[in-house]
Amino acid sequence: MYEERHHSEILEDVLQFIYPLIILFGLYIILTGISQPGGGFQGGAVLVAIFMCRYLVSPREMGRLDLIQKIDKLILVFILALASMLILLGFREVIPYFNGIYNMLIGILIGIKVASGLTVIFYTFAFIEGGKED
């Protein structure tokens, strides 16, 4: 079953230093993916490392899975709405430079969507593996 792990304060302090670096690297990949290879999916996958590290340090303090699932669904609605606005309302012709803004927004939204989706998958498997399933 689930075995209690010892809480490492040193590891937690190190991760507190590393979390901002992971966030910056994930955002860097997302934002440079607009004009170069990479982008939302890869950056979102990097951002999931925060939740995985947090779980490995203190598995009892897992995030609120229901909130992450709601964010995941809300981001999907935003992505669909943004794409619909581009197609149906013809923002390409109305707003100059809309393609750059659109690419940046879609990249960020896809990064958040991938991060939240992979976090839900990771936490679900962690609950099942840890013997916490309902």
Protein backbone atom coordinates (compact mmCIF):
# COMPACT_ATOMS: atom_id res chain seq x y z
CA MET A 1 0.00 0.00 0.00
CA TYR A 2 1.02 3.58 0.60
CA GLU A 3 4.23 4.03 2.53
CA GLU A 4 4.92 7.22 4.48
CA ARG A 5 8.01 8.97 3.16
CA HIS A 6 10.28 11.15 5.22
CA HIS A 7 9.83 14.84 4.62
CA SER A 8 13.06 16.46 3.39
CA GLU A 9 13.30 20.14 4.23
CA ILE A 10 16.52 20.51 2.25
CA LEU A 11 14.90 19.13 -0.90
CA GLU A 12 11.89 21.38 -0.38
CA ASP A 13 14.13 24.45 -0.02
CA VAL A 14 16.04 23.53 -3.18
CA LEU A 15 12.79 23.07 -5.10
CA GLN A 16 11.55 26.47 -3.91
CA PHE A 17 14.58 27.89 -5.72
CA ILE A 18 14.05 25.72 -8.80
CA TYR A 19 10.30 26.37 -9.26
CA PRO A 20 10.76 29.89 -10.73
CA LEU A 21 13.43 28.53 -13.08
CA ILE A 22 11.06 25.81 -14.32
CA ILE A 23 8.32 28.41 -14.85
CA LEU A 24 10.67 30.72 -16.75
CA PHE A 25 11.95 27.88 -18.92
CA GLY A 26 8.39 26.69 -19.67
CA LEU A 27 7.27 30.21 -20.57
CA TYR A 28 10.39 30.70 -22.68
CA ILE A 29 9.59 27.57 -24.69
CA ILE A 30 5.95 28.64 -25.10
CA LEU A 31 6.77 32.17 -26.22
CA THR A 32 9.64 31.25 -28.54
CA GLY A 33 7.43 28.59 -30.10
CA ILE A 34 5.54 31.37 -31.84
CA SER A 35 8.39 31.92 -34.29
CA GLN A 36 10.54 28.80 -33.78
CA PRO A 37 10.04 25.08 -33.24
CA GLY A 38 8.53 24.31 -29.86
CA GLY A 39 5.60 26.04 -28.38
CA GLY A 40 2.59 25.41 -26.22
CA PHE A 41 2.74 21.66 -25.96
CA GLN A 42 6.42 21.44 -25.10
CA GLY A 43 6.25 24.38 -22.69
CA GLY A 44 3.20 22.90 -20.97
CA ALA A 45 5.00 19.59 -20.57
CA VAL A 46 7.89 21.43 -18.89
CA LEU A 47 5.49 23.23 -16.53
CA VAL A 48 4.10 19.89 -15.32
CA ALA A 49 7.51 19.25 -13.73
CA ILE A 50 6.49 21.67 -10.96
CA PHE A 51 3.57 19.49 -9.92
CA MET A 52 5.57 16.29 -10.26
CA CYS A 53 8.39 17.63 -8.10
CA ARG A 54 5.89 18.87 -5.53
CA TYR A 55 4.32 15.43 -5.35
CA LEU A 56 7.67 13.68 -5.01
CA VAL A 57 8.71 15.96 -2.13
CA SER A 58 5.46 15.80 -0.18
CA PRO A 59 2.87 13.39 -1.60
CA ARG A 60 0.33 14.20 1.11
CA GLU A 61 0.08 17.80 -0.09
CA MET A 62 -1.21 17.16 -3.57
CA GLY A 63 -3.02 19.98 -5.29
CA ARG A 64 -6.75 20.25 -5.64
CA LEU A 65 -7.50 17.94 -8.53
CA ASP A 66 -11.04 19.29 -9.02
CA LEU A 67 -9.74 22.85 -9.44
CA ILE A 68 -7.11 21.75 -11.95
CA GLN A 69 -9.79 19.86 -13.93
CA LYS A 70 -11.99 22.98 -14.01
CA ILE A 71 -9.07 25.08 -15.24
CA ASP A 72 -8.39 22.45 -17.91
CA LYS A 73 -11.96 22.64 -19.19
CA LEU A 74 -12.08 26.44 -19.01
CA ILE A 75 -8.89 26.78 -21.06
CA LEU A 76 -10.37 24.49 -23.72
CA VAL A 77 -13.38 26.81 -23.96
CA PHE A 78 -11.05 29.83 -24.32
CA ILE A 79 -9.07 28.10 -27.09
CA LEU A 80 -12.24 27.25 -29.00
CA ALA A 81 -13.65 30.75 -28.50
CA LEU A 82 -10.45 32.40 -29.71
CA ALA A 83 -10.29 30.20 -32.80
CA SER A 84 -13.98 30.86 -33.51
CA MET A 85 -13.46 34.61 -33.25
CA LEU A 86 -10.67 34.41 -35.78
CA ILE A 87 -12.76 32.45 -38.26
CA LEU A 88 -16.27 33.84 -37.76
CA LEU A 89 -15.64 37.49 -36.95
CA GLY A 90 -12.77 37.98 -39.37
CA PHE A 91 -10.38 39.68 -36.95
CA ARG A 92 -7.56 39.20 -39.42
CA GLU A 93 -8.85 41.99 -41.61
CA VAL A 94 -10.08 44.28 -38.81
CA ILE A 95 -7.05 44.32 -36.53
CA PRO A 96 -3.60 44.59 -38.06
CA TYR A 97 -0.98 42.44 -36.29
CA PHE A 98 -3.74 40.14 -35.03
CA ASN A 99 -1.88 37.05 -36.23
CA GLY A 100 1.02 37.72 -33.87
CA ILE A 101 -1.29 38.37 -30.94
CA TYR A 102 -3.37 35.32 -31.83
CA ASN A 103 -0.30 33.07 -32.07
CA MET A 104 0.96 34.29 -28.70
CA LEU A 105 -2.43 33.82 -26.97
CA ILE A 106 -2.99 30.38 -28.49
CA GLY A 107 0.54 29.31 -27.50
CA ILE A 108 -0.01 30.40 -23.89
CA LEU A 109 -3.47 28.80 -23.72
CA ILE A 110 -2.23 25.53 -25.19
CA GLY A 111 0.68 25.53 -22.71
CA ILE A 112 -1.71 25.96 -19.78
CA LYS A 113 -4.07 23.34 -21.23
CA VAL A 114 -1.29 20.78 -21.66
CA ALA A 115 0.11 21.53 -18.19
CA SER A 116 -3.28 21.14 -16.52
CA GLY A 117 -4.18 18.04 -18.53
CA LEU A 118 -0.89 16.27 -17.80
CA THR A 119 -1.15 17.29 -14.14
CA VAL A 120 -4.59 15.69 -13.91
CA ILE A 121 -3.24 12.53 -15.55
CA PHE A 122 -0.22 12.45 -13.22
CA TYR A 123 -2.28 13.02 -10.07
CA THR A 124 -4.83 10.43 -11.13
CA PHE A 125 -2.14 7.80 -11.56
CA ALA A 126 -0.49 8.91 -8.31
CA PHE A 127 -3.77 8.45 -6.44
CA ILE A 128 -4.28 5.00 -7.94
CA GLU A 129 -0.69 3.92 -7.34
CA GLY A 130 -0.71 5.35 -3.81
CA GLY A 131 -3.80 3.37 -2.84
CA LYS A 132 -5.95 6.50 -2.44
CA GLU A 133 -8.55 5.66 -5.06
CA ASP A 134 -12.20 6.04 -4.04
